[in-house]
Amino acid sequence: MTSKADAGSACGRKRSAPQSRSHPEPASAVFAGLSTLTPGQEIRINPADGRTMTLVVYAADNFPRDDLSDDLVYAGTPDAQLRLITCGGSYDRSRQRYRENTVIYAPLKTSATGG
């Protein structure tokens, strides 16, 4: 998975950098394939400063929509990490929303300047 980092993200800083996206139209959404990521897969991010950052997925979790743990997702970390958060689970048509949130955890492996 490769992505351009949002201007407000904290990529490369020694803490988590949560990125959240909703996908009402699953096939066209930015994070539509997030639930297919598994531990060991790499994520590459290209921030505006020209670096290529490589992160490695170490965990993927699903949480009931109303039970997403702020401590697990937004807490500080001893190293630079990324949290990818999106809708998950089955779609509740009566409430027009997904029943779960999918969270991917990935620490920074490398950061290199393009050239």
PDB file of N, CA and C in Angstrom:
ATOM      1  N   MET A   1       0.854  -1.153   0.000  1.00  0.00           N
ATOM      2  CA  MET A   1       0.000   0.000   0.000  1.00  0.00           C
ATOM      3  C   MET A   1       0.906   1.223   0.000  1.00  0.00           C
ATOM      4  N   THR A   2       0.664   2.179  -0.891  1.00  0.00           N
ATOM      5  CA  THR A   2       1.430   3.416  -0.955  1.00  0.00           C
ATOM      6  C   THR A   2       0.472   4.579  -0.864  1.00  0.00           C
ATOM      7  N   SER A   3       0.864   5.625  -0.130  1.00  0.00           N
ATOM      8  CA  SER A   3      -0.034   6.754   0.084  1.00  0.00           C
ATOM      9  C   SER A   3       0.744   8.043   0.206  1.00  0.00           C
ATOM     10  N   LYS A   4       0.114   9.146  -0.135  1.00  0.00           N
ATOM     11  CA  LYS A   4       0.631  10.473   0.160  1.00  0.00           C
ATOM     12  C   LYS A   4       0.170  10.810   1.570  1.00  0.00           C
ATOM     13  N   ALA A   5       1.042  11.321   2.401  1.00  0.00           N
ATOM     14  CA  ALA A   5       0.673  11.665   3.774  1.00  0.00           C
ATOM     15  C   ALA A   5      -0.098  12.970   3.806  1.00  0.00           C
ATOM     16  N   ASP A   6      -1.081  13.034   4.692  1.00  0.00           N
ATOM     17  CA  ASP A   6      -1.820  14.274   4.910  1.00  0.00           C
ATOM     18  C   ASP A   6      -0.889  15.319   5.505  1.00  0.00           C
ATOM     19  N   ALA A   7      -1.154  16.581   5.220  1.00  0.00           N
ATOM     20  CA  ALA A   7      -0.328  17.670   5.729  1.00  0.00           C
ATOM     21  C   ALA A   7      -0.271  17.687   7.246  1.00  0.00           C
ATOM     22  N   GLY A   8      -1.330  17.252   7.916  1.00  0.00           N
ATOM     23  CA  GLY A   8      -1.373  17.306   9.368  1.00  0.00           C
ATOM     24  C   GLY A   8      -0.836  16.076  10.066  1.00  0.00           C
ATOM     25  N   SER A   9      -0.365  15.086   9.333  1.00  0.00           N
ATOM     26  CA  SER A   9       0.090  13.857   9.978  1.00  0.00           C
ATOM     27  C   SER A   9       1.438  14.061  10.647  1.00  0.00           C
ATOM     28  N   ALA A  10       1.763  13.152  11.558  1.00  0.00           N
ATOM     29  CA  ALA A  10       3.020  13.232  12.289  1.00  0.00           C
ATOM     30  C   ALA A  10       3.955  12.110  11.855  1.00  0.00           C
ATOM     31  N   CYS A  11       4.068  11.874  10.565  1.00  0.00           N
ATOM     32  CA  CYS A  11       4.885  10.773  10.058  1.00  0.00           C
ATOM     33  C   CYS A  11       6.334  10.918  10.488  1.00  0.00           C
ATOM     34  N   GLY A  12       6.889   9.843  11.035  1.00  0.00           N
ATOM     35  CA  GLY A  12       8.279   9.820  11.415  1.00  0.00           C
ATOM     36  C   GLY A  12       8.560  10.325  12.811  1.00  0.00           C
ATOM     37  N   ARG A  13       7.578  10.862  13.503  1.00  0.00           N
ATOM     38  CA  ARG A  13       7.771  11.337  14.868  1.00  0.00           C
ATOM     39  C   ARG A  13       7.619  10.166  15.831  1.00  0.00           C
ATOM     40  N   LYS A  14       8.210  10.272  16.995  1.00  0.00           N
ATOM     41  CA  LYS A  14       8.174   9.183  17.971  1.00  0.00           C
ATOM     42  C   LYS A  14       6.863   9.193  18.730  1.00  0.00           C
ATOM     43  N   ARG A  15       5.827   8.784  18.067  1.00  0.00           N
ATOM     44  CA  ARG A  15       4.488   8.613  18.615  1.00  0.00           C
ATOM     45  C   ARG A  15       3.632   8.016  17.515  1.00  0.00           C
ATOM     46  N   SER A  16       2.399   7.716  17.835  1.00  0.00           N
ATOM     47  CA  SER A  16       1.535   7.179  16.793  1.00  0.00           C
ATOM     48  C   SER A  16       1.002   8.321  15.935  1.00  0.00           C
ATOM     49  N   ALA A  17       0.746   8.031  14.676  1.00  0.00           N
ATOM     50  CA  ALA A  17       0.188   9.011  13.742  1.00  0.00           C
ATOM     51  C   ALA A  17      -1.084   8.419  13.157  1.00  0.00           C
ATOM     52  N   PRO A  18      -2.207   8.537  13.881  1.00  0.00           N
ATOM     53  CA  PRO A  18      -3.451   7.944  13.378  1.00  0.00           C
ATOM     54  C   PRO A  18      -3.942   8.632  12.114  1.00  0.00           C
ATOM     55  N   GLN A  19      -4.395   7.848  11.163  1.00  0.00           N
ATOM     56  CA  GLN A  19      -5.023   8.332   9.940  1.00  0.00           C
ATOM     57  C   GLN A  19      -6.352   7.606   9.829  1.00  0.00           C
ATOM     58  N   SER A  20      -7.428   8.351   9.712  1.00  0.00           N
ATOM     59  CA  SER A  20      -8.758   7.756   9.711  1.00  0.00           C
ATOM     60  C   SER A  20      -9.500   8.134   8.443  1.00  0.00           C
ATOM     61  N   ARG A  21     -10.200   7.178   7.867  1.00  0.00           N
ATOM     62  CA  ARG A  21     -10.998   7.425   6.677  1.00  0.00           C
ATOM     63  C   ARG A  21     -12.285   6.621   6.767  1.00  0.00           C
ATOM     64  N   SER A  22     -13.342   7.179   6.247  1.00  0.00           N
ATOM     65  CA  SER A  22     -14.626   6.500   6.162  1.00  0.00           C
ATOM     66  C   SER A  22     -14.807   6.064   4.718  1.00  0.00           C
ATOM     67  N   HIS A  23     -15.492   4.970   4.501  1.00  0.00           N
ATOM     68  CA  HIS A  23     -15.706   4.570   3.106  1.00  0.00           C
ATOM     69  C   HIS A  23     -17.148   4.141   2.857  1.00  0.00           C
ATOM     70  N   PRO A  24     -18.035   5.122   2.614  1.00  0.00           N
ATOM     71  CA  PRO A  24     -19.422   4.793   2.305  1.00  0.00           C
ATOM     72  C   PRO A  24     -19.561   4.060   0.980  1.00  0.00           C
ATOM     73  N   GLU A  25     -18.652   4.288   0.059  1.00  0.00           N
ATOM     74  CA  GLU A  25     -18.629   3.575  -1.222  1.00  0.00           C
ATOM     75  C   GLU A  25     -17.400   2.676  -1.198  1.00  0.00           C
ATOM     76  N   PRO A  26     -17.496   1.451  -0.664  1.00  0.00           N
ATOM     77  CA  PRO A  26     -16.332   0.617  -0.393  1.00  0.00           C
ATOM     78  C   PRO A  26     -15.334   0.443  -1.526  1.00  0.00           C
ATOM     79  N   ALA A  27     -15.765   0.247  -2.736  1.00  0.00           N
ATOM     80  CA  ALA A  27     -14.828  -0.035  -3.821  1.00  0.00           C
ATOM     81  C   ALA A  27     -13.976   1.163  -4.197  1.00  0.00           C
ATOM     82  N   SER A  28     -14.451   2.385  -3.942  1.00  0.00           N
ATOM     83  CA  SER A  28     -13.717   3.561  -4.375  1.00  0.00           C
ATOM     84  C   SER A  28     -12.987   4.288  -3.255  1.00  0.00           C
ATOM     85  N   ALA A  29     -13.073   3.817  -2.056  1.00  0.00           N
ATOM     86  CA  ALA A  29     -12.519   4.533  -0.914  1.00  0.00           C
ATOM     87  C   ALA A  29     -11.012   4.336  -0.784  1.00  0.00           C
ATOM     88  N   VAL A  30     -10.341   5.335  -0.187  1.00  0.00           N
ATOM     89  CA  VAL A  30      -8.896   5.296   0.006  1.00  0.00           C
ATOM     90  C   VAL A  30      -8.469   4.070   0.802  1.00  0.00           C
ATOM     91  N   PHE A  31      -9.194   3.723   1.856  1.00  0.00           N
ATOM     92  CA  PHE A  31      -8.832   2.603   2.710  1.00  0.00           C
ATOM     93  C   PHE A  31      -9.663   1.349   2.433  1.00  0.00           C
ATOM     94  N   ALA A  32     -10.232   1.233   1.258  1.00  0.00           N
ATOM     95  CA  ALA A  32     -11.112   0.104   0.940  1.00  0.00           C
ATOM     96  C   ALA A  32     -10.433  -1.250   1.138  1.00  0.00           C
ATOM     97  N   GLY A  33      -9.138  -1.369   0.878  1.00  0.00           N
ATOM     98  CA  GLY A  33      -8.439  -2.642   1.011  1.00  0.00           C
ATOM     99  C   GLY A  33      -7.731  -2.823   2.336  1.00  0.00           C
ATOM    100  N   LEU A  34      -7.985  -1.941   3.293  1.00  0.00           N
ATOM    101  CA  LEU A  34      -7.269  -1.970   4.564  1.00  0.00           C
ATOM    102  C   LEU A  34      -7.412  -3.302   5.285  1.00  0.00           C
ATOM    103  N   SER A  35      -8.578  -3.892   5.251  1.00  0.00           N
ATOM    104  CA  SER A  35      -8.808  -5.134   5.992  1.00  0.00           C
ATOM    105  C   SER A  35      -8.025  -6.315   5.426  1.00  0.00           C
ATOM    106  N   THR A  36      -7.427  -6.158   4.245  1.00  0.00           N
ATOM    107  CA  THR A  36      -6.642  -7.248   3.657  1.00  0.00           C
ATOM    108  C   THR A  36      -5.179  -7.210   4.096  1.00  0.00           C
ATOM    109  N   LEU A  37      -4.751  -6.129   4.775  1.00  0.00           N
ATOM    110  CA  LEU A  37      -3.367  -6.050   5.251  1.00  0.00           C
ATOM    111  C   LEU A  37      -3.146  -7.050   6.378  1.00  0.00           C
ATOM    112  N   THR A  38      -1.989  -7.705   6.362  1.00  0.00           N
ATOM    113  CA  THR A  38      -1.656  -8.697   7.377  1.00  0.00           C
ATOM    114  C   THR A  38      -0.266  -8.403   7.942  1.00  0.00           C
ATOM    115  N   PRO A  39       0.024  -8.899   9.154  1.00  0.00           N
ATOM    116  CA  PRO A  39       1.346  -8.682   9.730  1.00  0.00           C
ATOM    117  C   PRO A  39       2.462  -9.081   8.772  1.00  0.00           C
ATOM    118  N   GLY A  40       3.473  -8.210   8.704  1.00  0.00           N
ATOM    119  CA  GLY A  40       4.614  -8.439   7.817  1.00  0.00           C
ATOM    120  C   GLY A  40       4.540  -7.655   6.515  1.00  0.00           C
ATOM    121  N   GLN A  41       3.346  -7.218   6.113  1.00  0.00           N
ATOM    122  CA  GLN A  41       3.222  -6.439   4.885  1.00  0.00           C
ATOM    123  C   GLN A  41       3.741  -5.026   5.102  1.00  0.00           C
ATOM    124  N   GLU A  42       4.313  -4.446   4.032  1.00  0.00           N
ATOM    125  CA  GLU A  42       4.870  -3.103   4.115  1.00  0.00           C
ATOM    126  C   GLU A  42       3.878  -2.066   3.610  1.00  0.00           C
ATOM    127  N   ILE A  43       3.957  -0.884   4.229  1.00  0.00           N
ATOM    128  CA  ILE A  43       3.193   0.285   3.807  1.00  0.00           C
ATOM    129  C   ILE A  43       4.222   1.359   3.500  1.00  0.00           C
ATOM    130  N   ARG A  44       4.129   1.986   2.339  1.00  0.00           N
ATOM    131  CA  ARG A  44       5.049   3.068   1.984  1.00  0.00           C
ATOM    132  C   ARG A  44       4.288   4.375   1.917  1.00  0.00           C
ATOM    133  N   ILE A  45       4.848   5.398   2.552  1.00  0.00           N
ATOM    134  CA  ILE A  45       4.232   6.722   2.581  1.00  0.00           C
ATOM    135  C   ILE A  45       5.235   7.712   2.017  1.00  0.00           C
ATOM    136  N   ASN A  46       4.737   8.621   1.188  1.00  0.00           N
ATOM    137  CA  ASN A  46       5.574   9.650   0.590  1.00  0.00           C
ATOM    138  C   ASN A  46       5.130  11.021   1.085  1.00  0.00           C
ATOM    139  N   PRO A  47       5.695  11.497   2.235  1.00  0.00           N
ATOM    140  CA  PRO A  47       5.337  12.826   2.723  1.00  0.00           C
ATOM    141  C   PRO A  47       5.812  13.907   1.755  1.00  0.00           C
ATOM    142  N   ALA A  48       5.336  15.120   1.948  1.00  0.00           N
ATOM    143  CA  ALA A  48       5.661  16.239   1.062  1.00  0.00           C
ATOM    144  C   ALA A  48       7.147  16.577   1.064  1.00  0.00           C
ATOM    145  N   ASP A  49       7.910  16.126   2.075  1.00  0.00           N
ATOM    146  CA  ASP A  49       9.334  16.469   2.141  1.00  0.00           C
ATOM    147  C   ASP A  49      10.212  15.616   1.236  1.00  0.00           C
ATOM    148  N   GLY A  50       9.617  14.706   0.455  1.00  0.00           N
ATOM    149  CA  GLY A  50      10.370  13.912  -0.519  1.00  0.00           C
ATOM    150  C   GLY A  50      10.883  12.577  -0.019  1.00  0.00           C
ATOM    151  N   ARG A  51      10.713  12.293   1.273  1.00  0.00           N
ATOM    152  CA  ARG A  51      11.141  10.992   1.799  1.00  0.00           C
ATOM    153  C   ARG A  51      10.190   9.890   1.359  1.00  0.00           C
ATOM    154  N   THR A  52      10.669   8.667   1.410  1.00  0.00           N
ATOM    155  CA  THR A  52       9.807   7.490   1.319  1.00  0.00           C
ATOM    156  C   THR A  52       9.944   6.778   2.651  1.00  0.00           C
ATOM    157  N   MET A  53       8.828   6.644   3.327  1.00  0.00           N
ATOM    158  CA  MET A  53       8.827   5.993   4.631  1.00  0.00           C
ATOM    159  C   MET A  53       8.228   4.600   4.478  1.00  0.00           C
ATOM    160  N   THR A  54       8.902   3.608   5.018  1.00  0.00           N
ATOM    161  CA  THR A  54       8.415   2.235   4.973  1.00  0.00           C
ATOM    162  C   THR A  54       8.054   1.809   6.390  1.00  0.00           C
ATOM    163  N   LEU A  55       6.828   1.353   6.542  1.00  0.00           N
ATOM    164  CA  LEU A  55       6.329   0.855   7.818  1.00  0.00           C
ATOM    165  C   LEU A  55       5.923  -0.594   7.615  1.00  0.00           C
ATOM    166  N   VAL A  56       5.984  -1.395   8.659  1.00  0.00           N
ATOM    167  CA  VAL A  56       5.632  -2.810   8.555  1.00  0.00           C
ATOM    168  C   VAL A  56       4.462  -3.108   9.495  1.00  0.00           C
ATOM    169  N   VAL A  57       3.401  -3.672   8.939  1.00  0.00           N
ATOM    170  CA  VAL A  57       2.222  -4.025   9.731  1.00  0.00           C
ATOM    171  C   VAL A  57       2.613  -5.078  10.764  1.00  0.00           C
ATOM    172  N   TYR A  58       2.280  -4.817  12.037  1.00  0.00           N
ATOM    173  CA  TYR A  58       2.509  -5.850  13.045  1.00  0.00           C
ATOM    174  C   TYR A  58       1.213  -6.373  13.634  1.00  0.00           C
ATOM    175  N   ALA A  59       0.097  -5.655  13.434  1.00  0.00           N
ATOM    176  CA  ALA A  59      -1.183  -6.148  13.956  1.00  0.00           C
ATOM    177  C   ALA A  59      -2.336  -5.494  13.212  1.00  0.00           C
ATOM    178  N   ALA A  60      -3.451  -6.200  13.188  1.00  0.00           N
ATOM    179  CA  ALA A  60      -4.703  -5.697  12.615  1.00  0.00           C
ATOM    180  C   ALA A  60      -5.821  -6.134  13.553  1.00  0.00           C
ATOM    181  N   ASP A  61      -6.658  -5.181  13.955  1.00  0.00           N
ATOM    182  CA  ASP A  61      -7.748  -5.484  14.886  1.00  0.00           C
ATOM    183  C   ASP A  61      -9.057  -4.921  14.376  1.00  0.00           C
ATOM    184  N   ASN A  62     -10.143  -5.570  14.752  1.00  0.00           N
ATOM    185  CA  ASN A  62     -11.482  -5.037  14.523  1.00  0.00           C
ATOM    186  C   ASN A  62     -12.114  -4.794  15.884  1.00  0.00           C
ATOM    187  N   PHE A  63     -12.767  -3.643  16.016  1.00  0.00           N
ATOM    188  CA  PHE A  63     -13.439  -3.267  17.244  1.00  0.00           C
ATOM    189  C   PHE A  63     -14.883  -2.925  16.932  1.00  0.00           C
ATOM    190  N   PRO A  64     -15.830  -3.285  17.812  1.00  0.00           N
ATOM    191  CA  PRO A  64     -17.191  -2.779  17.627  1.00  0.00           C
ATOM    192  C   PRO A  64     -17.129  -1.253  17.532  1.00  0.00           C
ATOM    193  N   ARG A  65     -17.918  -0.710  16.651  1.00  0.00           N
ATOM    194  CA  ARG A  65     -17.859   0.733  16.363  1.00  0.00           C
ATOM    195  C   ARG A  65     -17.880   1.602  17.620  1.00  0.00           C
ATOM    196  N   ASP A  66     -18.655   1.247  18.606  1.00  0.00           N
ATOM    197  CA  ASP A  66     -18.780   2.063  19.811  1.00  0.00           C
ATOM    198  C   ASP A  66     -17.756   1.717  20.893  1.00  0.00           C
ATOM    199  N   ASP A  67     -16.850   0.774  20.613  1.00  0.00           N
ATOM    200  CA  ASP A  67     -15.859   0.351  21.605  1.00  0.00           C
ATOM    201  C   ASP A  67     -14.418   0.534  21.135  1.00  0.00           C
ATOM    202  N   LEU A  68     -14.168   1.465  20.230  1.00  0.00           N
ATOM    203  CA  LEU A  68     -12.812   1.716  19.766  1.00  0.00           C
ATOM    204  C   LEU A  68     -12.006   2.306  20.920  1.00  0.00           C
ATOM    205  N   SER A  69     -10.913   1.660  21.283  1.00  0.00           N
ATOM    206  CA  SER A  69     -10.119   2.057  22.437  1.00  0.00           C
ATOM    207  C   SER A  69      -9.182   3.215  22.111  1.00  0.00           C
ATOM    208  N   ASP A  70      -9.437   4.372  22.698  1.00  0.00           N
ATOM    209  CA  ASP A  70      -8.550   5.523  22.504  1.00  0.00           C
ATOM    210  C   ASP A  70      -7.133   5.198  22.970  1.00  0.00           C
ATOM    211  N   ASP A  71      -7.008   4.452  24.067  1.00  0.00           N
ATOM    212  CA  ASP A  71      -5.687   4.113  24.583  1.00  0.00           C
ATOM    213  C   ASP A  71      -4.873   3.279  23.600  1.00  0.00           C
ATOM    214  N   LEU A  72      -5.500   2.326  22.946  1.00  0.00           N
ATOM    215  CA  LEU A  72      -4.773   1.491  21.984  1.00  0.00           C
ATOM    216  C   LEU A  72      -4.443   2.244  20.704  1.00  0.00           C
ATOM    217  N   VAL A  73      -5.329   3.114  20.279  1.00  0.00           N
ATOM    218  CA  VAL A  73      -5.164   3.767  18.977  1.00  0.00           C
ATOM    219  C   VAL A  73      -4.377   5.071  19.053  1.00  0.00           C
ATOM    220  N   TYR A  74      -4.653   5.898  20.059  1.00  0.00           N
ATOM    221  CA  TYR A  74      -4.078   7.241  20.094  1.00  0.00           C
ATOM    222  C   TYR A  74      -2.969   7.440  21.121  1.00  0.00           C
ATOM    223  N   ALA A  75      -2.681   6.437  21.919  1.00  0.00           N
ATOM    224  CA  ALA A  75      -1.654   6.577  22.956  1.00  0.00           C
ATOM    225  C   ALA A  75      -0.278   6.777  22.343  1.00  0.00           C
ATOM    226  N   GLY A  76       0.597   7.420  23.098  1.00  0.00           N
ATOM    227  CA  GLY A  76       1.975   7.602  22.655  1.00  0.00           C
ATOM    228  C   GLY A  76       2.688   6.262  22.504  1.00  0.00           C
ATOM    229  N   THR A  77       3.721   6.257  21.697  1.00  0.00           N
ATOM    230  CA  THR A  77       4.517   5.043  21.476  1.00  0.00           C
ATOM    231  C   THR A  77       5.998   5.405  21.624  1.00  0.00           C
ATOM    232  N   PRO A  78       6.844   4.425  21.928  1.00  0.00           N
ATOM    233  CA  PRO A  78       8.268   4.717  22.097  1.00  0.00           C
ATOM    234  C   PRO A  78       8.997   4.969  20.774  1.00  0.00           C
ATOM    235  N   ASP A  79       8.342   4.667  19.675  1.00  0.00           N
ATOM    236  CA  ASP A  79       8.952   4.870  18.359  1.00  0.00           C
ATOM    237  C   ASP A  79       7.897   5.428  17.407  1.00  0.00           C
ATOM    238  N   ALA A  80       8.293   5.754  16.192  1.00  0.00           N
ATOM    239  CA  ALA A  80       7.362   6.280  15.190  1.00  0.00           C
ATOM    240  C   ALA A  80       6.465   5.152  14.704  1.00  0.00           C
ATOM    241  N   GLN A  81       5.153   5.352  14.806  1.00  0.00           N
ATOM    242  CA  GLN A  81       4.194   4.339  14.374  1.00  0.00           C
ATOM    243  C   GLN A  81       3.019   4.988  13.674  1.00  0.00           C
ATOM    244  N   LEU A  82       2.375   4.210  12.838  1.00  0.00           N
ATOM    245  CA  LEU A  82       1.194   4.646  12.110  1.00  0.00           C
ATOM    246  C   LEU A  82       0.018   3.774  12.526  1.00  0.00           C
ATOM    247  N   ARG A  83      -1.132   4.394  12.687  1.00  0.00           N
ATOM    248  CA  ARG A  83      -2.383   3.673  12.910  1.00  0.00           C
ATOM    249  C   ARG A  83      -3.310   4.044  11.764  1.00  0.00           C
ATOM    250  N   LEU A  84      -3.784   3.058  11.052  1.00  0.00           N
ATOM    251  CA  LEU A  84      -4.751   3.278   9.977  1.00  0.00           C
ATOM    252  C   LEU A  84      -6.096   2.797  10.481  1.00  0.00           C
ATOM    253  N   ILE A  85      -7.093   3.653  10.426  1.00  0.00           N
ATOM    254  CA  ILE A  85      -8.405   3.353  11.001  1.00  0.00           C
ATOM    255  C   ILE A  85      -9.475   3.595   9.950  1.00  0.00           C
ATOM    256  N   THR A  86     -10.372   2.627   9.786  1.00  0.00           N
ATOM    257  CA  THR A  86     -11.477   2.799   8.844  1.00  0.00           C
ATOM    258  C   THR A  86     -12.664   1.961   9.299  1.00  0.00           C
ATOM    259  N   CYS A  87     -13.756   2.112   8.601  1.00  0.00           N
ATOM    260  CA  CYS A  87     -14.960   1.314   8.872  1.00  0.00           C
ATOM    261  C   CYS A  87     -14.654  -0.155   8.577  1.00  0.00           C
ATOM    262  N   GLY A  88     -15.312  -1.041   9.295  1.00  0.00           N
ATOM    263  CA  GLY A  88     -15.100  -2.453   9.059  1.00  0.00           C
ATOM    264  C   GLY A  88     -16.328  -3.260   9.417  1.00  0.00           C
ATOM    265  N   GLY A  89     -16.204  -4.566   9.265  1.00  0.00           N
ATOM    266  CA  GLY A  89     -17.313  -5.453   9.585  1.00  0.00           C
ATOM    267  C   GLY A  89     -18.444  -5.336   8.583  1.00  0.00           C
ATOM    268  N   SER A  90     -19.600  -5.773   9.011  1.00  0.00           N
ATOM    269  CA  SER A  90     -20.757  -5.753   8.108  1.00  0.00           C
ATOM    270  C   SER A  90     -21.418  -4.372   8.126  1.00  0.00           C
ATOM    271  N   TYR A  91     -22.176  -4.109   7.080  1.00  0.00           N
ATOM    272  CA  TYR A  91     -22.845  -2.816   6.932  1.00  0.00           C
ATOM    273  C   TYR A  91     -24.272  -2.916   7.463  1.00  0.00           C
ATOM    274  N   ASP A  92     -24.625  -2.003   8.346  1.00  0.00           N
ATOM    275  CA  ASP A  92     -25.965  -1.931   8.918  1.00  0.00           C
ATOM    276  C   ASP A  92     -26.786  -0.965   8.064  1.00  0.00           C
ATOM    277  N   ARG A  93     -27.592  -1.497   7.159  1.00  0.00           N
ATOM    278  CA  ARG A  93     -28.361  -0.641   6.235  1.00  0.00           C
ATOM    279  C   ARG A  93     -29.366   0.244   6.963  1.00  0.00           C
ATOM    280  N   SER A  94     -29.946  -0.246   8.043  1.00  0.00           N
ATOM    281  CA  SER A  94     -30.937   0.557   8.756  1.00  0.00           C
ATOM    282  C   SER A  94     -30.308   1.791   9.415  1.00  0.00           C
ATOM    283  N   ARG A  95     -29.047   1.676   9.857  1.00  0.00           N
ATOM    284  CA  ARG A  95     -28.354   2.813  10.488  1.00  0.00           C
ATOM    285  C   ARG A  95     -27.409   3.514   9.516  1.00  0.00           C
ATOM    286  N   GLN A  96     -27.247   2.939   8.330  1.00  0.00           N
ATOM    287  CA  GLN A  96     -26.373   3.466   7.274  1.00  0.00           C
ATOM    288  C   GLN A  96     -24.941   3.681   7.773  1.00  0.00           C
ATOM    289  N   ARG A  97     -24.400   2.629   8.389  1.00  0.00           N
ATOM    290  CA  ARG A  97     -23.019   2.674   8.855  1.00  0.00           C
ATOM    291  C   ARG A  97     -22.495   1.254   9.063  1.00  0.00           C
ATOM    292  N   TYR A  98     -21.173   1.138   9.111  1.00  0.00           N
ATOM    293  CA  TYR A  98     -20.551  -0.144   9.384  1.00  0.00           C
ATOM    294  C   TYR A  98     -20.588  -0.416  10.885  1.00  0.00           C
ATOM    295  N   ARG A  99     -20.591  -1.699  11.240  1.00  0.00           N
ATOM    296  CA  ARG A  99     -20.724  -2.086  12.644  1.00  0.00           C
ATOM    297  C   ARG A  99     -19.396  -2.066  13.408  1.00  0.00           C
ATOM    298  N   GLU A 100     -18.267  -2.066  12.697  1.00  0.00           N
ATOM    299  CA  GLU A 100     -16.962  -2.138  13.344  1.00  0.00           C
ATOM    300  C   GLU A 100     -15.998  -1.098  12.779  1.00  0.00           C
ATOM    301  N   ASN A 101     -14.868  -0.955  13.466  1.00  0.00           N
ATOM    302  CA  ASN A 101     -13.733  -0.194  12.970  1.00  0.00           C
ATOM    303  C   ASN A 101     -12.577  -1.168  12.797  1.00  0.00           C
ATOM    304  N   THR A 102     -11.841  -1.034  11.725  1.00  0.00           N
ATOM    305  CA  THR A 102     -10.634  -1.810  11.488  1.00  0.00           C
ATOM    306  C   THR A 102      -9.448  -0.905  11.796  1.00  0.00           C
ATOM    307  N   VAL A 103      -8.486  -1.421  12.579  1.00  0.00           N
ATOM    308  CA  VAL A 103      -7.289  -0.658  12.930  1.00  0.00           C
ATOM    309  C   VAL A 103      -6.061  -1.468  12.538  1.00  0.00           C
ATOM    310  N   ILE A 104      -5.153  -0.833  11.788  1.00  0.00           N
ATOM    311  CA  ILE A 104      -3.879  -1.433  11.404  1.00  0.00           C
ATOM    312  C   ILE A 104      -2.782  -0.704  12.173  1.00  0.00           C
ATOM    313  N   TYR A 105      -1.854  -1.455  12.761  1.00  0.00           N
ATOM    314  CA  TYR A 105      -0.745  -0.903  13.530  1.00  0.00           C
ATOM    315  C   TYR A 105       0.545  -1.169  12.750  1.00  0.00           C
ATOM    316  N   ALA A 106       1.362  -0.124  12.536  1.00  0.00           N
ATOM    317  CA  ALA A 106       2.586  -0.305  11.753  1.00  0.00           C
ATOM    318  C   ALA A 106       3.690   0.643  12.235  1.00  0.00           C
ATOM    319  N   PRO A 107       4.786   0.115  12.785  1.00  0.00           N
ATOM    320  CA  PRO A 107       5.905   0.963  13.174  1.00  0.00           C
ATOM    321  C   PRO A 107       6.795   1.278  11.952  1.00  0.00           C
ATOM    322  N   LEU A 108       7.528   2.381  12.066  1.00  0.00           N
ATOM    323  CA  LEU A 108       8.449   2.804  11.004  1.00  0.00           C
ATOM    324  C   LEU A 108       9.619   1.833  10.912  1.00  0.00           C
ATOM    325  N   LYS A 109       9.887   1.375   9.689  1.00  0.00           N
ATOM    326  CA  LYS A 109      11.023   0.491   9.437  1.00  0.00           C
ATOM    327  C   LYS A 109      12.190   1.324   8.918  1.00  0.00           C
ATOM    328  N   THR A 110      11.947   2.119   7.867  1.00  0.00           N
ATOM    329  CA  THR A 110      12.997   2.961   7.285  1.00  0.00           C
ATOM    330  C   THR A 110      12.411   4.258   6.769  1.00  0.00           C
ATOM    331  N   SER A 111      13.277   5.251   6.625  1.00  0.00           N
ATOM    332  CA  SER A 111      12.912   6.522   6.044  1.00  0.00           C
ATOM    333  C   SER A 111      14.083   6.980   5.194  1.00  0.00           C
ATOM    334  N   ALA A 112      13.857   7.197   3.909  1.00  0.00           N
ATOM    335  CA  ALA A 112      14.936   7.574   3.006  1.00  0.00           C
ATOM    336  C   ALA A 112      14.511   8.756   2.136  1.00  0.00           C
ATOM    337  N   THR A 113      15.472   9.613   1.832  1.00  0.00           N
ATOM    338  CA  THR A 113      15.217  10.751   0.960  1.00  0.00           C
ATOM    339  C   THR A 113      15.331  10.290  -0.475  1.00  0.00           C
ATOM    340  N   GLY A 114      14.308  10.684  -1.273  1.00  0.00           N
ATOM    341  CA  GLY A 114      14.351  10.348  -2.705  1.00  0.00           C
ATOM    342  C   GLY A 114      15.389  11.193  -3.410  1.00  0.00           C
ATOM    343  N   GLY A 115      15.790  10.711  -4.562  1.00  0.00           N
ATOM    344  CA  GLY A 115      16.803  11.506  -5.211  1.00  0.00           C
ATOM    345  C   GLY A 115      17.108  11.125  -6.559  1.00  0.00           C
TER     346      GLY A 115
END
